[in-house]
């Protein structure tokens, strides 16, 4: 009996469109052995998810169809199975974890029922037995109070806990093969570390084989025995994880590995920015004092999204603001620009109190302060051409005298961000994500601001595109003397782009220091847990890594911040400490 559980040979998958067929997967071959983890890595559009869904026969047909090839699971050809036979295999023999747990769980059915469902269908156990096992599984994936949790709905769970439920469902029937399609993309690093840890434990316990699809090479380094690198529907390189990382052969693999900023590498020194003469360099460009942003949750409770924080940013500096979702970092950015009205505190821009300006004065102030948004898809109006998306800012501030001058300025801005002048006449849907983000940057630059809030500008982009956008932002900072507040959850990237970094947790800043100092000498327990959770794209480093003990996802705050104040422990290094 062979120990190969899955063999994919010369797989071709096409999508039928009106004009011609699009070949999404072209001649892919690989195999998975019992108990091993194969990583399939590639950027968006490389065909990795299509490959995974082909194995499960979950592609919509039409328009997609398997043109050629063979998928053998435990010696049987899956392409010859009927839909009914496939239904018996899905869940029972092959489990799948999808990228977004919110859309994969049924919002109208209780969590426990959704786990019990596959037990009833595939294992033929009684209802009471199914319930008992479902509660056990919830416990197994680290969800406390599993009896009460059994009766709750998906919206009552956090993102990380929903992903645990998905793992419980996928493992309910002890499948021999588990396909995990970007299972941690939407999660914070600390939660990601727990989910990957959990998958490893389950694999050891049940001897499951795993196909892990991801674009994060750090995750691959810590999880996979072997890796296949995909580009434009083909596998360009595959091999043992350690060999691939230490001795990559294909130029694309080399490019992917080099594109990643590593947390354990020293940052390069940056070129000094050319600060405008109109900016007073003797005072901070931006000073935030005791900023508070509270929201009424509707039940008579107040949510303190930003809870009394203070910091400053010097002209030409980049301050990184990091933390998990819900820590208050994006709310801080929005409050500074008064996209939300702050509850309390002062925001001084070159000594002027922004939060006290009238509507008209604020409109003038927006020439100096701009924002680049997280999602390049939803922040551009789909009905406008790029000429008008960027031109609108010029119109509002009356910065162009004629249509010709306006068009010329838009074309200049497009060239400045690495796009072509003729792109001005296209609509947003005609661009890739990275190009859309460049349009967003061009729009922010249109009014010649000095300060830009970059709100997670990289999170929707592929690794190699992220690097291009970071290089562009650094180049613009050098040429135009820009000052950035750079909000992100990717700490590796933040380290390399920022001069100083502030770490936010539960609405407060818990640590602030020069970026190299913060990474080499983290002092707050939250900063330490955040840093230790980040995967390093190096299998040897990952193998010897000290895992911090995961906290319990109980929804309660993990660190007591009541009355905590930022204390300067060494020059420029501030840490939240409980002051007695």
Protein backbone atom coordinates (compact mmCIF):
# COMPACT_ATOMS: atom_id res chain seq x y z
CA UNK A 1 0.00 0.00 0.00
CA UNK A 2 1.49 3.35 -1.11
CA UNK A 3 1.75 6.12 1.49
CA UNK A 4 0.67 8.68 -1.14
CA UNK A 5 -2.83 9.84 -0.27
CA UNK A 6 -3.38 12.31 -3.12
CA UNK A 7 -1.84 12.47 -6.58
CA UNK A 8 -2.64 15.29 -9.00
CA UNK A 9 -1.33 14.72 -12.55
CA UNK A 10 -1.22 17.30 -15.37
CA UNK A 11 -4.29 19.21 -14.14
CA UNK A 12 -5.74 21.80 -16.55
CA UNK A 13 -8.71 23.95 -15.48
CA UNK A 14 -10.32 26.55 -17.74
CA UNK A 15 -13.04 29.17 -17.36
CA UNK A 16 -15.28 29.70 -20.36
CA UNK A 17 -15.80 33.39 -21.13
CA UNK A 18 -17.65 35.02 -24.03
CA UNK A 19 -14.52 35.79 -26.01
CA UNK A 20 -12.25 32.80 -25.25
CA UNK A 21 -11.38 30.25 -22.61
CA UNK A 22 -9.16 31.43 -19.78
CA UNK A 23 -6.71 28.76 -18.60
CA UNK A 24 -6.54 29.22 -14.82
CA UNK A 25 -4.53 26.05 -14.08
CA UNK A 26 -2.08 24.68 -16.62
CA UNK A 27 -0.46 21.28 -16.24
CA UNK A 28 -0.19 21.15 -12.44
CA UNK A 29 1.18 17.94 -10.88
CA UNK A 30 1.96 17.15 -7.23
CA UNK A 31 1.40 14.52 -4.58
CA UNK A 32 0.69 14.49 -0.85
CA UNK A 33 1.88 11.76 1.48
CA UNK A 34 0.10 10.51 4.61
CA UNK A 35 0.59 12.85 7.58
CA UNK A 36 2.57 15.50 5.68
CA UNK A 37 1.86 19.16 5.00
CA UNK A 38 2.25 20.52 1.49
CA UNK A 39 2.26 24.30 1.10
CA UNK A 40 0.99 25.82 -2.15
CA UNK A 41 2.28 29.38 -2.39
CA UNK A 42 1.60 32.13 -4.90
CA UNK A 43 0.16 35.58 -5.38
CA UNK A 44 -3.47 36.30 -6.24
CA UNK A 45 -4.44 34.95 -9.63
CA UNK A 46 -1.75 32.25 -9.56
CA UNK A 47 -4.37 29.46 -9.58
CA UNK A 48 -3.76 28.03 -6.10
CA UNK A 49 -7.37 28.24 -4.86
CA UNK A 50 -8.71 26.93 -8.19
CA UNK A 51 -6.39 23.91 -7.80
CA UNK A 52 -7.71 23.25 -4.27
CA UNK A 53 -11.35 23.58 -5.26
CA UNK A 54 -10.77 21.24 -8.24
CA UNK A 55 -9.72 18.49 -5.81
CA UNK A 56 -13.00 18.93 -3.90
CA UNK A 57 -14.93 19.41 -7.17
CA UNK A 58 -16.26 22.68 -5.79
CA UNK A 59 -15.72 24.86 -8.86
CA UNK A 60 -18.82 26.37 -10.48
CA UNK A 61 -19.53 24.49 -13.69
CA UNK A 62 -20.16 26.18 -16.01
CA UNK A 63 -18.17 28.48 -16.49
CA UNK A 64 -15.25 26.36 -15.17
CA UNK A 65 -14.35 22.92 -16.35
CA UNK A 66 -11.51 20.45 -15.92
CA UNK A 67 -9.95 20.30 -19.35
CA UNK A 68 -7.44 17.58 -18.70
CA UNK A 69 -5.57 15.67 -15.99
CA UNK A 70 -6.20 13.24 -13.21
CA UNK A 71 -6.92 13.67 -9.47
CA UNK A 72 -6.41 10.40 -7.57
CA UNK A 73 -7.39 10.25 -3.93
CA UNK A 74 -6.52 7.02 -2.07
CA UNK A 75 -6.02 5.39 -5.47
CA UNK A 76 -9.42 6.42 -6.91
CA UNK A 77 -9.93 8.93 -9.72
CA UNK A 78 -12.15 11.74 -8.32
CA UNK A 79 -13.00 13.11 -11.77
CA UNK A 80 -14.99 9.94 -12.50
CA UNK A 81 -17.16 10.20 -9.37
CA UNK A 82 -20.79 11.29 -9.52
CA UNK A 83 -21.93 14.33 -7.51
CA UNK A 84 -23.59 11.97 -4.97
CA UNK A 85 -20.34 10.00 -4.51
CA UNK A 86 -18.44 13.30 -4.09
CA UNK A 87 -20.89 14.38 -1.39
CA UNK A 88 -19.96 11.28 0.59
CA UNK A 89 -16.23 12.10 0.23
CA UNK A 90 -16.49 15.81 1.06
CA UNK A 91 -16.33 16.31 4.80
CA UNK A 92 -15.85 12.62 5.54
CA UNK A 93 -12.64 11.89 3.62
CA UNK A 94 -11.51 15.38 2.59
CA UNK A 95 -12.18 18.39 4.81
CA UNK A 96 -11.80 22.01 3.78
CA UNK A 97 -11.21 25.24 5.73
CA UNK A 98 -12.09 28.38 3.77
CA UNK A 99 -10.54 31.82 3.94
CA UNK A 100 -13.46 33.76 5.38
CA UNK A 101 -15.20 32.00 8.30
CA UNK A 102 -18.06 34.51 8.33
CA UNK A 103 -19.26 33.64 4.84
CA UNK A 104 -18.65 29.89 5.28
CA UNK A 105 -20.77 29.54 8.43
CA UNK A 106 -24.56 29.75 8.22
CA UNK A 107 -25.56 32.87 10.23
CA UNK A 108 -29.04 31.47 11.02
CA UNK A 109 -27.95 28.13 12.49
CA UNK A 110 -26.42 27.64 15.93
CA UNK A 111 -22.70 26.79 15.97
CA UNK A 112 -23.16 23.38 17.61
CA UNK A 113 -25.77 22.29 15.07
CA UNK A 114 -23.38 23.14 12.22
CA UNK A 115 -20.70 20.86 13.67
CA UNK A 116 -23.18 18.08 14.54
CA UNK A 117 -24.62 18.17 11.00
CA UNK A 118 -21.60 16.52 9.36
CA UNK A 119 -21.42 13.91 12.14
CA UNK A 120 -25.07 12.98 11.54
CA UNK A 121 -24.61 12.89 7.78
CA UNK A 122 -21.32 11.03 7.46
CA UNK A 123 -20.98 8.99 10.64
CA UNK A 124 -24.61 8.05 11.20
CA UNK A 125 -24.43 8.68 14.97
CA UNK A 126 -27.49 9.51 17.11
CA UNK A 127 -28.47 13.15 17.79
CA UNK A 128 -27.33 13.01 21.43
CA UNK A 129 -24.05 11.37 20.41
CA UNK A 130 -23.52 14.06 17.73
CA UNK A 131 -24.11 16.80 20.30
CA UNK A 132 -21.70 15.22 22.75
CA UNK A 133 -19.00 14.94 20.07
CA UNK A 134 -19.59 18.50 18.85
CA UNK A 135 -19.10 19.86 22.39
CA UNK A 136 -15.91 17.76 22.64
CA UNK A 137 -14.66 19.17 19.33
CA UNK A 138 -15.29 22.74 20.48
CA UNK A 139 -13.20 21.99 23.57
CA UNK A 140 -10.53 20.40 21.42
CA UNK A 141 -10.14 23.51 19.25
CA UNK A 142 -9.68 25.63 22.36
CA UNK A 143 -13.13 27.16 22.82
CA UNK A 144 -13.98 27.53 26.48
CA UNK A 145 -17.47 27.01 27.95
CA UNK A 146 -18.23 24.77 24.98
CA UNK A 147 -21.63 23.68 26.37
CA UNK A 148 -22.93 27.29 26.33
CA UNK A 149 -21.06 28.08 23.11
CA UNK A 150 -22.79 25.14 21.39
CA UNK A 151 -26.05 27.11 21.41
CA UNK A 152 -24.66 30.41 20.16
CA UNK A 153 -24.73 31.90 16.64
CA UNK A 154 -21.70 32.79 14.46
CA UNK A 155 -22.09 36.56 15.05
CA UNK A 156 -21.49 35.96 18.77
CA UNK A 157 -17.96 34.69 18.05
CA UNK A 158 -14.81 36.68 17.20
CA UNK A 159 -13.02 36.09 13.87
CA UNK A 160 -10.43 33.82 15.45
CA UNK A 161 -13.08 31.75 17.22
CA UNK A 162 -15.13 31.40 14.03
CA UNK A 163 -12.04 30.06 12.31
CA UNK A 164 -11.66 27.52 15.16
CA UNK A 165 -15.25 26.43 14.56
CA UNK A 166 -14.44 25.95 10.87
CA UNK A 167 -11.52 23.71 11.90
CA UNK A 168 -13.83 21.75 14.23
CA UNK A 169 -16.30 21.23 11.35
CA UNK A 170 -13.52 20.22 8.95
CA UNK A 171 -12.09 17.73 11.45
CA UNK A 172 -15.41 16.38 12.76
CA UNK A 173 -15.24 13.23 10.64
CA UNK A 174 -11.49 12.78 10.99
CA UNK A 175 -10.77 13.25 7.26
CA UNK A 176 -7.53 11.84 5.89
CA UNK A 177 -6.88 15.06 3.96
CA UNK A 178 -7.49 18.64 5.06
CA UNK A 179 -7.33 21.48 2.53
CA UNK A 180 -6.80 24.85 4.22
CA UNK A 181 -7.31 27.74 1.78
CA UNK A 182 -5.68 30.85 3.27
CA UNK A 183 -7.07 29.92 6.72
CA UNK A 184 -5.40 32.81 8.55
CA UNK A 185 -5.47 35.69 6.05
CA UNK A 186 -8.23 37.64 7.79
CA UNK A 187 -6.79 37.12 11.28
CA UNK A 188 -4.41 39.01 13.56
CA UNK A 189 -0.91 37.60 14.00
CA UNK A 190 -1.48 36.38 17.55
CA UNK A 191 -4.68 34.57 16.50
CA UNK A 192 -2.93 33.28 13.37
CA UNK A 193 -0.19 31.73 15.54
CA UNK A 194 -2.84 29.96 17.64
CA UNK A 195 -4.77 28.66 14.60
CA UNK A 196 -1.60 27.28 12.97
CA UNK A 197 -0.55 25.74 16.29
CA UNK A 198 -3.98 24.14 16.57
CA UNK A 199 -3.76 22.71 13.05
CA UNK A 200 -0.38 21.18 13.88
CA UNK A 201 -1.71 19.60 17.09
CA UNK A 202 -4.71 18.16 15.27
CA UNK A 203 -2.46 16.78 12.57
CA UNK A 204 -0.29 15.01 15.15
CA UNK A 205 -3.36 13.67 16.93
CA UNK A 206 -5.23 12.34 13.89
CA UNK A 207 -2.39 11.81 11.37
CA UNK A 208 -4.16 14.09 8.88
CA UNK A 209 -2.44 15.19 5.65
CA UNK A 210 -2.73 18.94 5.00
CA UNK A 211 -2.60 21.08 1.87
CA UNK A 212 -2.00 24.64 3.07
CA UNK A 213 -2.68 27.38 0.54
CA UNK A 214 -1.20 30.73 1.42
CA UNK A 215 0.71 33.74 0.12
CA UNK A 216 2.66 34.11 3.37
CA UNK A 217 6.09 32.46 3.18
CA UNK A 218 6.55 32.91 6.93
CA UNK A 219 3.56 30.63 7.55
CA UNK A 220 4.98 28.07 5.10
CA UNK A 221 8.37 28.09 6.86
CA UNK A 222 6.80 27.08 10.16
CA UNK A 223 4.13 24.67 8.92
CA UNK A 224 5.07 22.80 5.75
CA UNK A 225 7.23 19.78 4.93
CA UNK A 226 7.22 20.54 1.22
CA UNK A 227 6.29 23.58 -0.90
CA UNK A 228 5.00 24.14 -4.43
CA UNK A 229 5.30 27.69 -5.81
CA UNK A 230 2.60 28.71 -8.29
CA UNK A 231 2.66 31.49 -10.86
CA UNK A 232 0.10 32.13 -13.60
CA UNK A 233 -1.49 28.68 -13.29
CA UNK A 234 1.73 26.67 -13.25
CA UNK A 235 3.99 25.22 -10.57
CA UNK A 236 7.34 26.91 -11.22
CA UNK A 237 9.26 25.23 -8.39
CA UNK A 238 8.65 22.62 -5.72
CA UNK A 239 10.68 20.76 -3.14
CA UNK A 240 11.40 20.31 0.55
CA UNK A 241 10.67 23.52 2.48
CA UNK A 242 14.20 23.90 3.82
CA UNK A 243 15.80 23.42 0.37
CA UNK A 244 13.44 25.86 -1.28
CA UNK A 245 14.13 28.60 1.28
CA UNK A 246 17.89 28.07 1.42
CA UNK A 247 18.50 27.44 -2.26
CA UNK A 248 15.64 28.76 -4.45
CA UNK A 249 16.16 28.04 -8.15
CA UNK A 250 13.41 29.87 -10.04
CA UNK A 251 13.69 33.68 -10.43
CA UNK A 252 10.05 34.06 -9.27
CA UNK A 253 10.70 32.12 -6.03
CA UNK A 254 13.79 34.29 -5.43
CA UNK A 255 11.71 37.41 -6.06
CA UNK A 256 9.00 36.28 -3.61
CA UNK A 257 11.58 35.53 -0.90
CA UNK A 258 13.41 38.83 -1.45
CA UNK A 259 10.20 40.86 -1.45
CA UNK A 260 9.52 39.97 2.18
CA UNK A 261 10.76 42.35 4.83
CA UNK A 262 12.02 40.19 7.67
CA UNK A 263 11.45 41.05 11.27
CA UNK A 264 14.90 39.73 12.23
CA UNK A 265 16.77 41.88 9.70
CA UNK A 266 18.17 45.34 10.38
CA UNK A 267 16.38 48.14 8.60
CA UNK A 268 18.14 50.15 5.92
CA UNK A 269 18.88 53.81 6.65
CA UNK A 270 16.50 56.11 4.80
CA UNK A 271 17.24 59.15 2.65
CA UNK A 272 16.54 62.48 4.40
CA UNK A 273 13.25 64.09 3.31
CA UNK A 274 13.25 67.52 1.56
CA UNK A 275 10.95 69.40 3.94
CA UNK A 276 9.12 72.45 2.54
CA UNK A 277 10.28 75.90 3.70
CA UNK A 278 6.71 76.65 4.85
CA UNK A 279 6.92 73.91 7.53
CA UNK A 280 8.19 74.96 10.98
CA UNK A 281 10.70 72.22 11.92
CA UNK A 282 11.19 73.51 15.48
CA UNK A 283 7.84 72.03 16.59
CA UNK A 284 6.15 68.67 15.85
CA UNK A 285 4.12 68.65 12.64
CA UNK A 286 1.37 66.82 14.54
CA UNK A 287 0.78 66.71 18.28
CA UNK A 288 -2.00 64.55 19.76
CA UNK A 289 -2.88 65.26 23.41
CA UNK A 290 -5.21 63.04 25.50
CA UNK A 291 -7.25 61.98 22.46
CA UNK A 292 -10.46 60.10 23.24
CA UNK A 293 -12.98 58.61 20.84
CA UNK A 294 -16.00 56.98 22.47
CA UNK A 295 -18.95 55.36 20.72
CA UNK A 296 -22.37 54.60 22.16
CA UNK A 297 -22.96 50.87 21.70
CA UNK A 298 -26.72 51.39 21.96
CA UNK A 299 -27.20 49.38 25.17
CA UNK A 300 -26.37 52.30 27.40
CA UNK A 301 -22.74 51.21 27.29
CA UNK A 302 -19.90 53.34 25.98
CA UNK A 303 -17.17 51.77 23.89
CA UNK A 304 -13.84 53.52 24.42
CA UNK A 305 -12.28 52.92 20.99
CA UNK A 306 -9.49 55.41 21.70
CA UNK A 307 -8.89 55.92 25.38
CA UNK A 308 -6.73 58.93 26.27
CA UNK A 309 -3.66 58.68 24.02
CA UNK A 310 -0.90 61.22 23.35
CA UNK A 311 1.95 61.25 20.82
CA UNK A 312 3.68 63.57 18.34
CA UNK A 313 5.16 63.23 14.83
CA UNK A 314 8.07 65.38 13.65
CA UNK A 315 8.18 66.88 10.14
CA UNK A 316 9.43 64.29 7.61
CA UNK A 317 9.05 61.40 10.09
CA UNK A 318 7.07 58.17 9.78
CA UNK A 319 5.34 56.99 12.95
CA UNK A 320 4.10 53.40 12.71
CA UNK A 321 0.92 52.56 14.63
CA UNK A 322 0.39 48.83 15.14
CA UNK A 323 -2.03 46.59 17.01
CA UNK A 324 -4.65 43.91 16.46
CA UNK A 325 -8.09 44.57 14.98
CA UNK A 326 -10.21 46.52 17.40
CA UNK A 327 -7.21 48.11 19.14
CA UNK A 328 -8.30 51.58 17.98
CA UNK A 329 -5.53 52.35 15.47
CA UNK A 330 -7.75 53.18 12.43
CA UNK A 331 -10.13 55.14 14.68
CA UNK A 332 -7.13 57.23 15.81
CA UNK A 333 -6.26 58.02 12.18
CA UNK A 334 -9.83 59.00 11.38
CA UNK A 335 -10.16 61.16 14.52
CA UNK A 336 -6.97 63.09 13.65
CA UNK A 337 -8.46 64.03 10.26
CA UNK A 338 -11.88 64.62 11.86
CA UNK A 339 -13.56 61.95 9.73
CA UNK A 340 -14.97 61.04 13.15
CA UNK A 341 -15.48 63.87 15.61
CA UNK A 342 -13.16 63.18 18.60
CA UNK A 343 -14.90 62.90 21.98
CA UNK A 344 -12.13 64.76 23.81
CA UNK A 345 -8.50 65.84 23.58
CA UNK A 346 -6.52 68.10 21.26
CA UNK A 347 -5.04 67.54 17.80
CA UNK A 348 -2.49 70.22 16.93
CA UNK A 349 -1.24 70.54 13.37
CA UNK A 350 1.80 72.88 13.39
CA UNK A 351 0.38 74.31 16.62
CA UNK A 352 -3.16 74.83 15.23
CA UNK A 353 -5.95 73.00 17.10
CA UNK A 354 -7.58 71.02 14.27
CA UNK A 355 -10.45 69.84 16.48
CA UNK A 356 -11.56 73.45 17.08
CA UNK A 357 -11.75 74.54 13.44
CA UNK A 358 -15.05 75.45 11.77
CA UNK A 359 -16.27 73.48 8.73
CA UNK A 360 -14.81 76.02 6.30
CA UNK A 361 -11.48 76.24 8.13
CA UNK A 362 -11.34 72.43 8.19
CA UNK A 363 -11.83 72.36 4.41
CA UNK A 364 -8.73 74.56 4.02
CA UNK A 365 -6.84 72.39 6.53
CA UNK A 366 -7.53 69.27 4.42
CA UNK A 367 -5.05 70.64 1.89
CA UNK A 368 -2.32 69.87 4.44
CA UNK A 369 -3.67 66.58 5.80
CA UNK A 370 -4.74 63.65 3.61
CA UNK A 371 -5.50 59.93 3.90
CA UNK A 372 -4.74 56.78 1.90
CA UNK A 373 -7.40 54.16 2.61
CA UNK A 374 -7.12 50.44 3.27
CA UNK A 375 -9.29 49.13 0.49
CA UNK A 376 -8.41 50.43 -2.98
CA UNK A 377 -11.65 48.82 -4.27
CA UNK A 378 -14.20 50.68 -2.19
CA UNK A 379 -12.39 54.02 -1.82
CA UNK A 380 -12.56 54.87 -5.55
CA UNK A 381 -15.89 55.83 -7.16
CA UNK A 382 -16.55 53.16 -9.84
CA UNK A 383 -18.59 55.58 -11.96
CA UNK A 384 -15.77 58.14 -12.30
CA UNK A 385 -12.80 58.02 -14.63
CA UNK A 386 -9.41 58.36 -12.92
CA UNK A 387 -9.17 61.89 -14.37
CA UNK A 388 -12.19 62.92 -12.28
CA UNK A 389 -11.31 60.86 -9.18
CA UNK A 390 -8.02 62.74 -8.85
CA UNK A 391 -9.33 65.94 -10.47
CA UNK A 392 -12.12 66.25 -7.88
CA UNK A 393 -9.57 67.17 -5.18
CA UNK A 394 -8.12 69.85 -7.48
CA UNK A 395 -11.65 71.24 -8.10
CA UNK A 396 -12.58 71.41 -4.39
CA UNK A 397 -9.45 73.41 -3.55
CA UNK A 398 -9.54 75.40 -6.84
CA UNK A 399 -6.04 74.28 -7.76
CA UNK A 400 -6.41 74.30 -11.55
CA UNK A 401 -7.49 77.23 -13.71
CA UNK A 402 -8.59 75.32 -16.80
CA UNK A 403 -9.55 71.84 -17.99
CA UNK A 404 -6.21 71.52 -19.79
CA UNK A 405 -4.27 72.47 -16.66
CA UNK A 406 -6.35 70.03 -14.59
CA UNK A 407 -5.71 67.16 -17.04
CA UNK A 408 -1.98 67.97 -17.17
CA UNK A 409 -1.74 67.96 -13.35
CA UNK A 410 -3.60 64.60 -13.11
CA UNK A 411 -1.23 63.08 -15.68
CA UNK A 412 1.79 64.43 -13.73
CA UNK A 413 0.42 62.85 -10.54
CA UNK A 414 -0.14 59.49 -12.28
CA UNK A 415 3.47 59.50 -13.51
CA UNK A 416 4.64 60.41 -10.02
CA UNK A 417 3.08 57.20 -8.64
CA UNK A 418 4.38 55.02 -11.49
CA UNK A 419 1.29 54.94 -13.73
CA UNK A 420 0.92 56.17 -17.33
CA UNK A 421 -0.70 59.49 -18.39
CA UNK A 422 -3.21 57.61 -20.58
CA UNK A 423 -4.52 55.79 -17.47
CA UNK A 424 -6.42 59.03 -16.68
CA UNK A 425 -9.15 58.05 -19.13
CA UNK A 426 -9.86 54.63 -17.58
CA UNK A 427 -12.29 53.50 -14.86
CA UNK A 428 -11.22 51.87 -11.53
CA UNK A 429 -12.39 48.36 -12.56
CA UNK A 430 -9.80 48.37 -15.36
CA UNK A 431 -6.92 48.34 -12.85
CA UNK A 432 -5.34 45.74 -10.56
CA UNK A 433 -5.40 46.19 -6.75
CA UNK A 434 -1.85 47.56 -6.67
CA UNK A 435 -2.60 50.05 -9.46
CA UNK A 436 -5.77 51.18 -7.65
CA UNK A 437 -3.75 51.81 -4.52
CA UNK A 438 -1.40 53.99 -6.62
CA UNK A 439 -4.44 55.97 -7.84
CA UNK A 440 -5.45 56.45 -4.17
CA UNK A 441 -1.95 57.76 -3.41
CA UNK A 442 -2.07 60.11 -6.44
CA UNK A 443 -5.43 61.44 -5.19
CA UNK A 444 -3.97 62.11 -1.73
CA UNK A 445 -0.98 63.92 -3.29
CA UNK A 446 -3.13 66.09 -5.58
CA UNK A 447 -3.49 68.90 -3.03
CA UNK A 448 0.23 68.80 -2.09
CA UNK A 449 -0.26 67.85 1.57
CA UNK A 450 2.54 67.67 4.16
CA UNK A 451 0.93 64.97 6.32
CA UNK A 452 -0.70 61.69 5.21
CA UNK A 453 -2.47 59.07 7.31
CA UNK A 454 -1.78 55.71 5.59
CA UNK A 455 -4.53 53.45 6.94
CA UNK A 456 -3.47 49.83 6.26
CA UNK A 457 -2.58 50.74 2.65
CA UNK A 458 -0.95 47.35 2.01
CA UNK A 459 -3.31 44.80 3.55
CA UNK A 460 -5.26 44.08 0.34
CA UNK A 461 -2.12 43.61 -1.77
CA UNK A 462 0.28 40.80 -2.72
CA UNK A 463 3.76 40.70 -1.21
CA UNK A 464 5.66 41.90 -4.29
CA UNK A 465 3.12 44.71 -4.85
CA UNK A 466 3.38 45.70 -1.15
CA UNK A 467 7.12 46.19 -1.59
CA UNK A 468 6.53 48.41 -4.65
CA UNK A 469 4.02 50.59 -2.74
CA UNK A 470 6.38 50.92 0.26
CA UNK A 471 9.24 51.94 -2.06
CA UNK A 472 6.92 54.48 -3.69
CA UNK A 473 5.84 55.94 -0.32
CA UNK A 474 9.48 56.21 0.81
CA UNK A 475 10.51 57.84 -2.48
CA UNK A 476 7.65 60.38 -2.24
CA UNK A 477 8.59 61.13 1.37
CA UNK A 478 12.18 61.87 0.30
CA UNK A 479 11.17 64.01 -2.70
CA UNK A 480 8.21 65.90 -1.22
CA UNK A 481 9.15 65.99 2.47
CA UNK A 482 5.99 64.10 3.52
CA UNK A 483 5.19 63.07 7.08
CA UNK A 484 3.30 59.78 7.62
CA UNK A 485 1.21 58.13 10.28
CA UNK A 486 1.50 54.55 9.01
CA UNK A 487 -1.24 52.31 10.44
CA UNK A 488 -0.81 48.55 9.91
CA UNK A 489 -0.97 45.13 11.49
CA UNK A 490 1.99 43.77 9.50
CA UNK A 491 4.76 44.48 11.97
CA UNK A 492 7.58 43.36 9.67
CA UNK A 493 6.67 46.02 7.11
CA UNK A 494 6.11 48.67 9.81
CA UNK A 495 9.58 48.10 11.25
CA UNK A 496 11.23 48.83 7.92
CA UNK A 497 9.19 51.89 6.93
CA UNK A 498 8.88 53.65 10.33
CA UNK A 499 11.26 55.82 12.33
CA UNK A 500 9.34 55.17 15.54
CA UNK A 501 6.56 52.69 16.34
CA UNK A 502 3.62 52.97 18.76
CA UNK A 503 1.86 49.76 19.84
CA UNK A 504 -1.87 50.03 20.56
CA UNK A 505 -3.97 47.68 22.63
CA UNK A 506 -7.60 48.16 23.79
CA UNK A 507 -7.64 51.87 22.87
CA UNK A 508 -4.37 52.76 24.60
CA UNK A 509 -0.74 53.05 23.53
CA UNK A 510 1.16 50.44 25.59
CA UNK A 511 4.64 51.01 24.15
CA UNK A 512 6.36 53.57 21.94
CA UNK A 513 9.99 53.58 20.82
CA UNK A 514 12.40 54.00 17.91
CA UNK A 515 11.57 51.08 15.61
CA UNK A 516 14.84 49.09 15.90
CA UNK A 517 14.78 49.56 19.71
CA UNK A 518 11.17 48.33 19.96
CA UNK A 519 11.93 45.15 18.01
CA UNK A 520 15.21 44.41 19.80
CA UNK A 521 14.01 45.30 23.26
CA UNK A 522 10.21 44.95 23.66
CA UNK A 523 9.20 45.59 27.28
CA UNK A 524 5.40 45.37 27.49
CA UNK A 525 4.02 41.77 27.59
CA UNK A 526 1.59 42.61 24.78
CA UNK A 527 4.39 43.85 22.49
CA UNK A 528 6.36 40.68 23.26
CA UNK A 529 3.40 38.42 22.43
CA UNK A 530 2.75 40.35 19.21
CA UNK A 531 6.36 40.06 18.06
CA UNK A 532 6.78 36.39 18.96
CA UNK A 533 3.66 35.52 16.94
CA UNK A 534 5.03 36.88 13.66
CA UNK A 535 6.22 34.07 11.38
CA UNK A 536 9.76 34.52 10.01
CA UNK A 537 10.28 33.23 6.44
CA UNK A 538 13.05 30.86 7.49
CA UNK A 539 12.31 27.22 8.42
CA UNK A 540 15.33 26.97 10.78
CA UNK A 541 14.33 30.10 12.73
CA UNK A 542 10.70 28.91 12.94
CA UNK A 543 11.71 25.43 14.15
CA UNK A 544 13.61 26.87 17.13
CA UNK A 545 11.18 29.63 17.94
CA UNK A 546 9.99 30.18 21.47
CA UNK A 547 6.20 30.18 21.24
CA UNK A 548 4.56 32.49 23.73
CA UNK A 549 1.72 30.84 25.60
CA UNK A 550 -1.50 31.75 23.79
CA UNK A 551 -3.95 33.74 25.86
CA UNK A 552 -7.50 32.54 26.21
CA UNK A 553 -9.88 34.10 23.71
CA UNK A 554 -12.47 34.98 26.31
CA UNK A 555 -13.25 38.47 25.10
CA UNK A 556 -11.92 39.92 28.36
CA UNK A 557 -8.91 42.25 28.34
CA UNK A 558 -5.71 40.34 28.89
CA UNK A 559 -3.61 43.15 30.31
CA UNK A 560 -4.69 45.39 33.13
CA UNK A 561 -4.45 48.93 31.76
CA UNK A 562 -6.56 50.65 34.42
CA UNK A 563 -4.65 53.69 35.52
CA UNK A 564 -1.64 52.65 33.42
CA UNK A 565 0.49 55.56 32.28
CA UNK A 566 3.23 55.80 29.68
CA UNK A 567 6.53 56.00 31.51
CA UNK A 568 9.85 56.80 29.78
CA UNK A 569 12.14 53.90 30.74
CA UNK A 570 15.08 54.96 28.57
CA UNK A 571 15.50 57.87 26.18
CA UNK A 572 12.57 57.82 23.74
CA UNK A 573 11.32 54.40 24.92
CA UNK A 574 7.92 54.66 26.62
CA UNK A 575 5.99 51.80 28.23
CA UNK A 576 2.55 51.64 29.88
CA UNK A 577 3.02 50.86 33.54
CA UNK A 578 0.51 50.58 36.35
CA UNK A 579 1.26 53.51 38.59
CA UNK A 580 0.39 52.72 42.21
